[in-house]
N, C-alpha and C. Protein backbone atom coordinates (compact mmCIF):
# COMPACT_ATOMS: atom_id res chain seq x y z
N GLY A 1 -23.57 -8.89 0.42
CA GLY A 1 -23.29 -7.27 0.14
C GLY A 1 -23.42 -7.75 -1.16
N LEU A 2 -23.98 -7.07 -2.32
CA LEU A 2 -24.51 -6.61 -3.34
C LEU A 2 -23.64 -7.31 -4.20
N ASN A 3 -24.28 -8.55 -6.02
CA ASN A 3 -22.99 -8.61 -6.57
C ASN A 3 -23.32 -7.41 -7.67
N PRO A 4 -21.82 -7.50 -8.35
CA PRO A 4 -21.59 -6.22 -8.28
C PRO A 4 -22.39 -6.23 -10.12
N PRO A 5 -22.08 -5.06 -10.70
CA PRO A 5 -22.95 -5.70 -12.29
C PRO A 5 -21.48 -6.32 -13.04
N VAL A 6 -23.04 -6.42 -13.90
CA VAL A 6 -22.72 -6.42 -15.50
C VAL A 6 -21.28 -5.65 -16.15
N LEU A 7 -20.42 -6.08 -16.31
CA LEU A 7 -19.22 -5.12 -17.42
C LEU A 7 -19.37 -5.35 -18.63
N HIS A 8 -20.04 -4.70 -19.63
CA HIS A 8 -19.66 -4.23 -20.81
C HIS A 8 -18.92 -4.05 -21.39
N VAL A 9 -17.71 -4.11 -21.89
CA VAL A 9 -16.56 -4.10 -22.60
C VAL A 9 -16.63 -3.64 -24.21
N GLU A 10 -16.85 -2.44 -24.13
CA GLU A 10 -16.20 -2.63 -26.55
C GLU A 10 -15.07 -2.79 -26.73
N LEU A 11 -14.42 -3.11 -27.06
CA LEU A 11 -13.32 -3.66 -28.14
C LEU A 11 -12.85 -3.19 -29.17
N MET A 12 -14.01 -2.23 -29.67
CA MET A 12 -13.92 -1.82 -30.74
C MET A 12 -12.76 -2.21 -31.94
N ASN A 13 -11.34 -1.80 -32.20
CA ASN A 13 -10.89 -1.89 -32.62
C ASN A 13 -9.22 -2.84 -32.30
N THR A 14 -9.52 -3.65 -30.99
CA THR A 14 -8.63 -3.41 -30.06
C THR A 14 -8.56 -5.09 -30.36
N PRO A 15 -7.13 -6.04 -30.58
CA PRO A 15 -7.25 -7.02 -30.84
C PRO A 15 -6.84 -7.47 -29.32
N VAL A 16 -7.78 -8.87 -29.37
CA VAL A 16 -7.76 -9.76 -27.84
C VAL A 16 -6.40 -10.81 -28.11
N ILE A 17 -5.02 -10.37 -26.98
CA ILE A 17 -4.11 -11.59 -27.19
C ILE A 17 -4.53 -12.25 -26.34
N ASP A 18 -3.41 -13.76 -26.54
CA ASP A 18 -3.50 -14.65 -26.21
C ASP A 18 -2.13 -14.48 -24.95
N GLU A 19 -2.33 -14.43 -23.42
CA GLU A 19 -2.14 -14.99 -22.63
C GLU A 19 -0.39 -15.86 -22.90
N THR A 20 -0.81 -16.94 -22.98
CA THR A 20 -0.25 -17.81 -23.11
C THR A 20 0.78 -18.22 -24.58
N THR A 21 0.12 -17.84 -25.60
CA THR A 21 0.79 -18.49 -27.04
C THR A 21 1.45 -17.00 -27.34
N GLY A 22 0.47 -15.22 -26.91
CA GLY A 22 0.51 -14.51 -28.12
C GLY A 22 0.22 -14.31 -29.26
N LYS A 23 -0.52 -15.03 -29.66
CA LYS A 23 -0.97 -14.66 -31.24
C LYS A 23 -2.28 -14.07 -30.47
N GLN A 24 -2.80 -13.33 -31.54
CA GLN A 24 -4.23 -12.57 -32.03
C GLN A 24 -5.50 -13.99 -32.19
N LEU A 25 -5.85 -13.49 -31.09
CA LEU A 25 -7.07 -13.89 -31.23
C LEU A 25 -8.55 -14.18 -32.18
N LYS A 26 -9.50 -14.75 -32.43
CA LYS A 26 -11.02 -14.17 -33.32
C LYS A 26 -11.06 -12.87 -32.70
N ASP A 27 -11.40 -12.08 -33.77
CA ASP A 27 -12.35 -10.76 -33.22
C ASP A 27 -14.03 -10.56 -32.74
N TYR A 28 -14.45 -11.10 -31.25
CA TYR A 28 -15.51 -10.59 -31.56
C TYR A 28 -16.60 -9.32 -31.25
N THR A 29 -14.99 -8.42 -31.14
CA THR A 29 -15.10 -6.51 -30.79
C THR A 29 -16.36 -6.61 -29.57
N TYR A 30 -16.90 -7.57 -29.17
CA TYR A 30 -17.20 -7.13 -27.63
C TYR A 30 -16.94 -8.08 -26.45
N VAL A 31 -17.09 -8.07 -25.07
CA VAL A 31 -16.62 -8.91 -24.29
C VAL A 31 -17.83 -8.72 -23.39
N TYR A 32 -18.28 -9.31 -22.43
CA TYR A 32 -19.45 -9.43 -21.59
C TYR A 32 -18.99 -9.67 -19.89
N PHE A 33 -18.56 -9.56 -18.90
CA PHE A 33 -18.73 -10.77 -17.80
C PHE A 33 -19.04 -10.01 -16.82
N LYS A 34 -19.57 -10.95 -15.92
CA LYS A 34 -20.18 -10.39 -14.38
C LYS A 34 -19.84 -11.46 -13.91
N ASN A 35 -20.76 -10.73 -12.35
CA ASN A 35 -20.63 -11.50 -11.11
C ASN A 35 -21.90 -13.03 -11.58
N GLY A 36 -20.60 -14.27 -11.49
CA GLY A 36 -21.66 -15.98 -11.51
C GLY A 36 -22.10 -16.70 -10.82
N ASN A 37 -22.12 -16.43 -9.44
CA ASN A 37 -21.87 -16.69 -8.26
C ASN A 37 -24.09 -17.15 -8.21
N GLU A 38 -25.26 -17.10 -9.05
CA GLU A 38 -25.93 -17.83 -9.00
C GLU A 38 -26.62 -19.02 -9.81
N ARG A 39 -25.18 -18.83 -10.76
CA ARG A 39 -25.09 -20.44 -11.53
C ARG A 39 -23.65 -20.81 -10.88
N MET A 40 -23.40 -20.94 -9.85
CA MET A 40 -22.04 -22.02 -10.35
C MET A 40 -21.73 -21.90 -8.22
N ASP A 41 -21.28 -23.09 -8.08
CA ASP A 41 -21.71 -23.51 -7.04
C ASP A 41 -20.36 -22.72 -6.09
N LYS A 42 -19.52 -21.73 -6.61
CA LYS A 42 -18.60 -21.44 -5.83
C LYS A 42 -18.08 -20.00 -6.69
N PRO A 43 -18.03 -19.01 -5.91
CA PRO A 43 -17.53 -17.79 -5.87
C PRO A 43 -17.33 -17.80 -8.14
N GLY A 44 -17.69 -16.96 -8.70
CA GLY A 44 -17.24 -17.20 -9.95
C GLY A 44 -17.08 -15.90 -10.76
N LEU A 45 -17.26 -15.86 -12.73
CA LEU A 45 -16.97 -15.29 -13.23
C LEU A 45 -18.43 -16.16 -14.63
N GLN A 46 -19.21 -15.64 -15.38
CA GLN A 46 -19.56 -15.81 -16.10
C GLN A 46 -19.66 -14.79 -16.81
N GLY A 47 -19.57 -14.46 -18.55
CA GLY A 47 -19.77 -14.26 -19.82
C GLY A 47 -19.94 -14.38 -21.13
N GLY A 48 -19.56 -13.17 -21.57
CA GLY A 48 -20.51 -13.69 -23.11
C GLY A 48 -20.41 -12.80 -24.17
N THR A 49 -19.98 -13.12 -25.48
CA THR A 49 -19.34 -12.30 -26.20
C THR A 49 -21.04 -11.12 -27.45
N ILE A 50 -20.52 -10.80 -28.24
CA ILE A 50 -21.56 -10.18 -29.10
C ILE A 50 -22.59 -11.57 -29.36
N PRO A 51 -23.77 -11.40 -29.97
CA PRO A 51 -24.46 -12.53 -30.53
C PRO A 51 -24.43 -12.30 -32.08
N ILE A 52 -25.07 -13.88 -32.30
CA ILE A 52 -25.32 -14.22 -33.70
C ILE A 52 -26.34 -13.69 -34.08
N LYS A 53 -26.94 -13.18 -34.86
CA LYS A 53 -28.52 -13.16 -35.41
C LYS A 53 -28.37 -14.38 -36.08
N ILE A 54 -29.29 -15.08 -35.97
CA ILE A 54 -30.01 -15.74 -36.86
C ILE A 54 -31.55 -15.75 -37.11
N GLY A 55 -31.93 -14.92 -37.05
CA GLY A 55 -32.86 -14.92 -38.33
C GLY A 55 -34.30 -15.41 -37.07
N PRO A 56 -35.34 -15.42 -38.33
CA PRO A 56 -36.93 -16.52 -38.48
C PRO A 56 -36.17 -18.00 -38.07
N GLU A 57 -35.08 -18.42 -38.74
CA GLU A 57 -34.81 -19.63 -38.82
C GLU A 57 -34.77 -20.38 -37.44
N ALA A 58 -34.47 -20.12 -36.30
CA ALA A 58 -34.11 -19.99 -35.29
C ALA A 58 -34.53 -22.04 -34.82
N ILE A 59 -34.30 -23.00 -33.91
CA ILE A 59 -34.44 -23.32 -33.44
C ILE A 59 -34.55 -23.52 -32.23
N VAL A 60 -36.25 -23.73 -31.92
CA VAL A 60 -36.36 -23.55 -30.54
C VAL A 60 -36.62 -24.70 -29.48
N ASP A 61 -36.40 -25.94 -29.84
CA ASP A 61 -36.77 -27.41 -29.44
C ASP A 61 -34.98 -28.33 -30.21
N PRO A 62 -34.96 -28.54 -29.02
CA PRO A 62 -34.60 -27.86 -27.43
C PRO A 62 -34.01 -27.11 -27.22
N TYR A 63 -34.35 -26.40 -25.86
CA TYR A 63 -34.13 -24.62 -26.07
C TYR A 63 -33.15 -24.32 -24.79
N GLY A 64 -32.36 -23.49 -25.09
CA GLY A 64 -31.40 -23.22 -24.08
C GLY A 64 -29.96 -24.40 -24.65
N HIS A 65 -29.66 -24.75 -22.84
CA HIS A 65 -28.30 -25.51 -22.89
C HIS A 65 -28.36 -27.26 -23.41
N ALA A 66 -29.72 -27.51 -23.50
CA ALA A 66 -30.07 -28.57 -24.49
C ALA A 66 -29.42 -28.33 -25.67
N ASN A 67 -29.16 -27.20 -26.57
CA ASN A 67 -29.52 -27.22 -28.58
C ASN A 67 -28.15 -27.22 -28.62
N ASP A 68 -27.12 -27.89 -29.03
CA ASP A 68 -26.27 -28.07 -29.81
C ASP A 68 -26.01 -27.19 -30.56
N ASP A 69 -27.17 -26.45 -31.81
CA ASP A 69 -26.67 -25.16 -31.93
C ASP A 69 -26.07 -24.32 -31.61
N TYR A 70 -26.76 -23.61 -30.21
CA TYR A 70 -26.41 -22.75 -29.95
C TYR A 70 -25.42 -22.36 -28.35
N GLN A 71 -24.49 -23.29 -28.37
CA GLN A 71 -23.23 -23.19 -27.86
C GLN A 71 -22.06 -22.65 -28.39
N ALA A 72 -21.55 -21.72 -27.27
CA ALA A 72 -20.19 -21.32 -27.74
C ALA A 72 -18.99 -21.66 -28.31
N GLU A 73 -18.64 -21.71 -29.11
CA GLU A 73 -17.42 -21.91 -29.82
C GLU A 73 -16.43 -22.70 -29.23
N PRO A 74 -15.24 -23.53 -29.74
CA PRO A 74 -14.32 -23.72 -28.99
C PRO A 74 -13.31 -22.54 -28.89
N GLU A 75 -13.26 -22.07 -28.98
CA GLU A 75 -12.34 -21.07 -28.85
C GLU A 75 -12.78 -19.63 -27.81
N PHE A 76 -13.96 -20.34 -27.53
CA PHE A 76 -14.77 -18.97 -26.61
C PHE A 76 -13.82 -18.76 -25.78
N ALA A 77 -13.36 -19.95 -24.40
CA ALA A 77 -12.64 -20.00 -22.98
C ALA A 77 -11.31 -18.46 -23.50
N ASP A 78 -10.61 -19.60 -24.88
CA ASP A 78 -9.78 -18.87 -24.25
C ASP A 78 -9.68 -16.44 -24.98
N TYR A 79 -10.66 -16.98 -25.71
CA TYR A 79 -11.33 -15.25 -26.68
C TYR A 79 -12.21 -14.51 -24.92
N LEU A 80 -12.63 -15.26 -24.08
CA LEU A 80 -13.31 -14.77 -23.33
C LEU A 80 -12.21 -14.38 -22.17
N CYS A 81 -11.76 -14.78 -21.36
CA CYS A 81 -10.38 -15.28 -21.06
C CYS A 81 -8.95 -13.48 -20.12
N ALA A 82 -8.80 -14.29 -22.36
CA ALA A 82 -7.73 -12.94 -22.26
C ALA A 82 -8.78 -11.51 -23.61
N ALA A 83 -9.54 -11.72 -23.34
CA ALA A 83 -10.26 -10.39 -23.03
C ALA A 83 -10.19 -9.77 -21.48
N MET A 84 -10.48 -10.45 -20.84
CA MET A 84 -10.81 -9.98 -19.00
C MET A 84 -9.65 -9.71 -18.81
N ALA A 85 -8.16 -10.97 -18.84
CA ALA A 85 -6.65 -10.07 -18.36
C ALA A 85 -6.49 -9.16 -19.33
N GLN A 86 -7.07 -8.70 -21.10
CA GLN A 86 -6.16 -7.17 -21.65
C GLN A 86 -7.05 -6.14 -20.17
N THR A 87 -8.87 -6.62 -19.41
CA THR A 87 -9.64 -5.26 -19.55
C THR A 87 -9.24 -4.87 -18.07
N MET A 88 -8.68 -6.73 -16.91
CA MET A 88 -8.43 -5.91 -15.93
C MET A 88 -7.24 -6.94 -15.51
N THR A 89 -6.06 -6.48 -15.11
CA THR A 89 -5.03 -7.58 -14.79
C THR A 89 -5.31 -8.42 -13.27
N ARG A 90 -6.21 -8.35 -12.41
CA ARG A 90 -6.83 -9.64 -11.48
C ARG A 90 -7.37 -10.26 -12.12
N PHE A 91 -7.34 -10.37 -14.10
CA PHE A 91 -7.63 -11.77 -14.27
C PHE A 91 -6.91 -12.89 -15.64
N GLN A 92 -5.34 -12.35 -14.97
CA GLN A 92 -4.27 -12.18 -16.00
C GLN A 92 -4.51 -13.56 -14.99
N GLY A 93 -4.15 -14.45 -15.85
CA GLY A 93 -3.51 -15.64 -15.71
C GLY A 93 -4.84 -17.09 -14.96
N ILE A 94 -5.86 -16.27 -15.30
CA ILE A 94 -7.03 -16.77 -14.92
C ILE A 94 -7.83 -18.58 -15.77
N ARG A 95 -7.26 -18.71 -17.59
CA ARG A 95 -7.03 -19.11 -18.12
C ARG A 95 -7.59 -20.85 -17.46
N PRO A 96 -6.83 -21.19 -16.32
CA PRO A 96 -6.82 -22.26 -16.24
C PRO A 96 -8.07 -22.70 -15.42
N ASN A 97 -8.57 -21.79 -14.98
CA ASN A 97 -9.60 -21.56 -13.86
C ASN A 97 -10.76 -21.85 -14.52
N PHE A 98 -10.96 -21.53 -15.65
CA PHE A 98 -11.76 -21.30 -16.24
C PHE A 98 -12.93 -23.23 -16.91
N ARG A 99 -14.02 -23.10 -15.81
CA ARG A 99 -14.65 -24.25 -15.61
C ARG A 99 -16.00 -23.94 -17.47
N GLU A 100 -15.38 -25.82 -18.21
CA GLU A 100 -15.90 -26.12 -19.54
C GLU A 100 -17.69 -26.39 -18.70
N ARG A 101 -18.48 -25.33 -19.03
CA ARG A 101 -19.75 -25.82 -19.31
C ARG A 101 -21.00 -25.07 -20.52
N ARG A 102 -21.86 -26.53 -20.35
CA ARG A 102 -23.25 -26.07 -21.45
C ARG A 102 -23.12 -24.11 -21.03
N ASN A 103 -23.71 -23.37 -21.73
CA ASN A 103 -23.87 -21.83 -21.07
C ASN A 103 -24.64 -21.36 -22.01
N GLY A 104 -25.63 -21.42 -22.66
CA GLY A 104 -25.44 -20.90 -23.70
C GLY A 104 -27.28 -21.20 -24.14
N GLY A 105 -28.06 -19.77 -25.78
CA GLY A 105 -28.65 -20.10 -25.99
C GLY A 105 -29.33 -18.87 -26.25
N ILE A 106 -30.32 -19.12 -26.97
CA ILE A 106 -30.86 -18.09 -27.87
C ILE A 106 -31.76 -16.79 -26.69
N GLY A 107 -31.18 -15.70 -27.34
CA GLY A 107 -31.70 -14.39 -26.59
C GLY A 107 -32.68 -13.91 -27.96
N ALA A 108 -33.52 -13.07 -27.47
CA ALA A 108 -34.69 -12.95 -28.40
C ALA A 108 -34.42 -11.34 -28.00
N PHE A 109 -34.90 -10.54 -29.33
CA PHE A 109 -33.66 -9.19 -29.29
C PHE A 109 -35.48 -8.58 -30.58
N THR A 110 -35.04 -7.02 -30.20
CA THR A 110 -36.09 -6.26 -31.03
C THR A 110 -35.10 -6.11 -32.00
N PRO A 111 -35.89 -5.81 -33.35
CA PRO A 111 -34.60 -4.98 -33.62
C PRO A 111 -33.85 -3.78 -34.30
N ASP A 112 -34.63 -2.40 -32.98
CA ASP A 112 -33.47 -1.87 -32.62
C ASP A 112 -33.46 -1.93 -31.38
N ASN A 113 -32.84 -3.41 -30.84
CA ASN A 113 -32.18 -3.95 -29.76
C ASN A 113 -32.78 -2.68 -28.14
N VAL A 114 -34.26 -2.33 -28.26
CA VAL A 114 -34.83 -1.44 -26.97
C VAL A 114 -35.88 -2.49 -27.13
N PRO A 115 -36.28 -2.17 -25.69
CA PRO A 115 -37.33 -3.06 -25.40
C PRO A 115 -39.00 -2.68 -25.74
N ILE A 116 -39.45 -3.50 -25.95
CA ILE A 116 -41.43 -3.43 -25.95
C ILE A 116 -42.34 -3.06 -24.75
N ILE A 117 -42.39 -1.51 -24.04
CA ILE A 117 -43.76 -1.86 -23.28
C ILE A 117 -44.26 -1.07 -23.53
N ASP A 118 -46.29 -2.21 -23.67
CA ASP A 118 -46.55 -1.16 -24.09
C ASP A 118 -48.02 -2.45 -24.53
N TRP A 119 -48.92 -2.28 -24.59
CA TRP A 119 -50.83 -2.44 -24.80
C TRP A 119 -50.38 -3.31 -25.77
N VAL A 120 -50.39 -4.55 -25.94
CA VAL A 120 -50.20 -5.17 -27.76
C VAL A 120 -51.56 -6.04 -28.44
N LEU A 121 -52.27 -6.25 -26.86
CA LEU A 121 -53.93 -6.30 -27.72
C LEU A 121 -54.29 -5.51 -26.54
N PRO A 122 -55.83 -5.28 -26.57
CA PRO A 122 -56.38 -4.86 -25.33
C PRO A 122 -56.56 -5.51 -24.16
N ASN A 123 -56.54 -6.19 -24.24
CA ASN A 123 -56.13 -6.99 -22.82
C ASN A 123 -54.97 -7.63 -22.21
N VAL A 124 -53.70 -7.60 -22.92
CA VAL A 124 -52.67 -8.00 -23.23
C VAL A 124 -51.61 -6.77 -23.07
N TYR A 125 -50.72 -6.43 -21.78
CA TYR A 125 -49.36 -5.62 -21.50
C TYR A 125 -48.14 -5.86 -21.59
N MET A 126 -47.64 -5.99 -22.23
CA MET A 126 -46.18 -6.52 -22.50
C MET A 126 -44.90 -5.88 -22.42
N ILE A 127 -43.96 -6.81 -21.73
CA ILE A 127 -42.79 -6.03 -21.56
C ILE A 127 -41.66 -7.19 -21.94
N ALA A 128 -41.45 -6.68 -23.16
CA ALA A 128 -40.21 -8.05 -24.26
C ALA A 128 -39.24 -6.98 -23.43
N ASP A 129 -38.26 -7.64 -22.90
CA ASP A 129 -37.24 -6.97 -22.69
C ASP A 129 -36.05 -6.74 -23.28
N SER A 130 -35.93 -7.73 -24.50
CA SER A 130 -35.18 -7.50 -26.25
C SER A 130 -33.30 -8.00 -25.24
N ASN A 131 -33.54 -8.93 -24.30
CA ASN A 131 -32.64 -9.38 -23.93
C ASN A 131 -32.16 -8.79 -22.61
N HIS A 132 -32.60 -8.15 -22.02
CA HIS A 132 -31.96 -7.23 -21.43
C HIS A 132 -31.87 -7.17 -20.13
N GLY A 133 -32.73 -8.19 -19.23
CA GLY A 133 -32.75 -9.28 -18.45
C GLY A 133 -33.41 -8.21 -16.65
N PHE A 134 -31.43 -8.84 -16.32
CA PHE A 134 -32.43 -8.03 -14.62
C PHE A 134 -32.70 -6.51 -14.89
N LYS A 135 -31.82 -6.09 -15.94
CA LYS A 135 -31.99 -4.35 -15.66
C LYS A 135 -33.24 -3.70 -16.72
N MET A 136 -34.04 -4.74 -15.95
CA MET A 136 -35.55 -3.82 -17.00
C MET A 136 -35.85 -4.10 -15.29
N LEU A 137 -35.64 -4.46 -14.26
CA LEU A 137 -36.47 -5.14 -12.99
C LEU A 137 -37.82 -3.66 -12.64
N GLY A 138 -36.78 -2.44 -12.98
CA GLY A 138 -37.58 -1.13 -13.01
C GLY A 138 -38.98 -1.64 -13.85
N ALA A 139 -39.37 -1.80 -14.79
CA ALA A 139 -39.90 -1.51 -15.11
C ALA A 139 -40.86 -2.21 -15.38
N GLY A 140 -41.37 -3.40 -14.58
CA GLY A 140 -42.16 -3.61 -13.64
C GLY A 140 -42.92 -3.23 -12.70
N LYS A 141 -42.18 -2.56 -11.94
CA LYS A 141 -43.00 -1.86 -11.07
C LYS A 141 -43.63 -0.75 -11.81
N LEU A 142 -43.08 0.05 -12.18
CA LEU A 142 -43.10 1.09 -13.05
C LEU A 142 -44.79 0.81 -13.43
N VAL A 143 -44.41 -0.18 -14.79
CA VAL A 143 -46.07 -0.29 -14.98
C VAL A 143 -47.52 -1.26 -14.19
N ALA A 144 -46.56 -1.81 -12.95
CA ALA A 144 -47.68 -1.96 -12.07
C ALA A 144 -48.09 -0.85 -12.04
N LYS A 145 -47.40 0.54 -11.05
CA LYS A 145 -48.28 1.52 -11.04
C LYS A 145 -48.93 2.16 -12.41
N GLN A 146 -48.66 1.50 -13.16
CA GLN A 146 -49.22 2.38 -14.69
C GLN A 146 -50.76 2.08 -15.01
N LEU A 147 -50.26 0.46 -14.24
CA LEU A 147 -51.67 -0.11 -14.71
C LEU A 147 -52.84 0.33 -13.42
N MET A 148 -52.38 0.61 -12.88
CA MET A 148 -52.96 1.13 -11.20
C MET A 148 -54.10 2.65 -11.14
N GLY A 149 -53.10 3.03 -12.42
CA GLY A 149 -54.19 4.19 -12.68
C GLY A 149 -53.03 5.45 -12.27
N ASP A 150 -51.51 5.50 -12.03
CA ASP A 150 -50.17 6.36 -11.05
C ASP A 150 -49.97 7.12 -12.47
N LYS A 151 -49.95 7.88 -12.41
CA LYS A 151 -48.58 8.53 -13.61
C LYS A 151 -47.64 8.17 -13.71
N VAL A 152 -46.99 7.86 -14.74
CA VAL A 152 -45.87 7.30 -15.11
C VAL A 152 -44.74 7.88 -15.56
N ALA A 153 -44.06 7.79 -15.77
CA ALA A 153 -42.38 8.40 -16.79
C ALA A 153 -43.12 7.93 -18.27
N ASP A 154 -43.22 9.00 -19.20
CA ASP A 154 -44.14 8.56 -20.30
C ASP A 154 -42.70 6.96 -20.55
N LEU A 155 -43.38 6.72 -21.48
CA LEU A 155 -43.22 4.90 -21.88
C LEU A 155 -43.44 5.10 -23.47
N LYS A 156 -44.43 5.96 -24.12
CA LYS A 156 -43.86 6.26 -25.34
C LYS A 156 -43.22 5.77 -26.06
N PRO A 157 -41.56 5.77 -26.17
CA PRO A 157 -40.49 5.05 -26.49
C PRO A 157 -40.22 4.19 -26.76
N PHE A 158 -41.10 3.58 -25.96
CA PHE A 158 -41.26 1.95 -25.83
C PHE A 158 -42.19 1.24 -26.67
N ALA A 159 -42.76 1.70 -27.08
CA ALA A 159 -44.47 1.67 -27.60
C ALA A 159 -43.72 0.75 -28.54
N PHE A 160 -45.14 -1.06 -28.91
CA PHE A 160 -45.27 -2.07 -30.23
C PHE A 160 -44.69 -1.18 -31.72
N ASN A 161 -45.86 -0.37 -31.32
CA ASN A 161 -46.54 0.72 -32.93
C ASN A 161 -44.91 0.99 -33.46
N ARG A 162 -43.76 1.63 -32.67
CA ARG A 162 -42.99 2.42 -32.67
C ARG A 162 -42.16 1.85 -34.27
N PHE A 163 -42.35 0.49 -34.20
CA PHE A 163 -41.24 0.28 -35.47
C PHE A 163 -42.24 0.19 -37.27
N ALA A 164 -43.81 -0.36 -37.40
CA ALA A 164 -44.40 0.71 -38.15
C ALA A 164 -44.59 1.91 -38.20
N GLU A 165 -44.90 2.61 -36.72
CA GLU A 165 -44.76 4.19 -37.54
C GLU A 165 -43.00 4.91 -37.51
N GLY A 166 -42.06 4.23 -37.42
CA GLY A 166 -40.32 4.40 -37.41
C GLY A 166 -39.84 5.73 -37.14
N ARG A 167 -40.74 5.03 -35.97
CA ARG A 167 -39.88 6.00 -34.65
C ARG A 167 -38.91 4.71 -33.94
N THR A 168 -38.25 3.80 -34.21
CA THR A 168 -37.32 3.33 -33.85
C THR A 168 -35.91 4.08 -32.77
N PHE A 169 -35.15 3.53 -32.36
CA PHE A 169 -34.04 4.63 -31.77
C PHE A 169 -32.76 4.76 -32.72
N GLY A 170 -33.04 3.80 -33.51
CA GLY A 170 -32.15 3.84 -35.03
C GLY A 170 -30.95 3.53 -34.79
N SER A 171 -29.79 4.24 -35.48
CA SER A 171 -28.37 3.91 -35.44
C SER A 171 -27.75 3.84 -34.33
N THR A 172 -26.30 2.73 -33.84
CA THR A 172 -25.22 3.28 -33.01
C THR A 172 -24.13 2.58 -33.57
N ASN A 173 -23.06 2.97 -32.18
CA ASN A 173 -21.79 3.08 -32.75
C ASN A 173 -21.43 1.77 -32.60
N SER A 174 -22.94 1.41 -31.80
CA SER A 174 -22.39 0.18 -30.69
C SER A 174 -22.58 -0.93 -31.15
N HIS A 175 -21.69 -1.94 -31.27
CA HIS A 175 -21.56 -3.52 -31.47
C HIS A 175 -22.76 -4.30 -30.21
N SER A 176 -22.41 -3.55 -29.38
CA SER A 176 -23.36 -4.76 -28.72
C SER A 176 -24.92 -3.97 -28.57
N PRO A 177 -25.92 -4.87 -28.02
CA PRO A 177 -26.96 -4.69 -28.30
C PRO A 177 -27.84 -4.27 -27.26
N TRP A 178 -26.98 -4.72 -25.86
CA TRP A 178 -27.33 -4.11 -25.05
C TRP A 178 -27.35 -2.74 -24.27
N VAL A 179 -27.09 -2.25 -25.46
CA VAL A 179 -26.06 -0.48 -25.02
C VAL A 179 -27.55 0.41 -25.59
């Protein structure tokens, strides 16, 4: 069967309570979780919370899981499992099954959290996904059609020059950069 989609949940002002201790956990305001089969040796879930802005000082070597600077905080597992349990009762009591492992790294976002799909040089067409990942699958097919001369949906809202021209997508009430 097909894997289910990612579930993004904005907790807004909802406190997340640890099932075991009854204590309120650090507030990240946002959580996501999804099927984790592709990264695990058996069926499971993977998830995360809102990214932390690090700006131009990001350390990219070593990258990803090998970088100690960009790993989840020690309380991450408690928070993720508690938030999942509050969101769906099927996840109540799941914390003992959490598998501790390195899973993180840098995700690059545009200033408005929206992808760039545009020519950036006369011979370079870019699809910069702004950390949207698999949700951008259709963009490649769309751009391939456009590059072959087919008429496609207007991609001007995703133009690289939108930042210089002040045509960004603006602010949102969402705490999630993926919305």
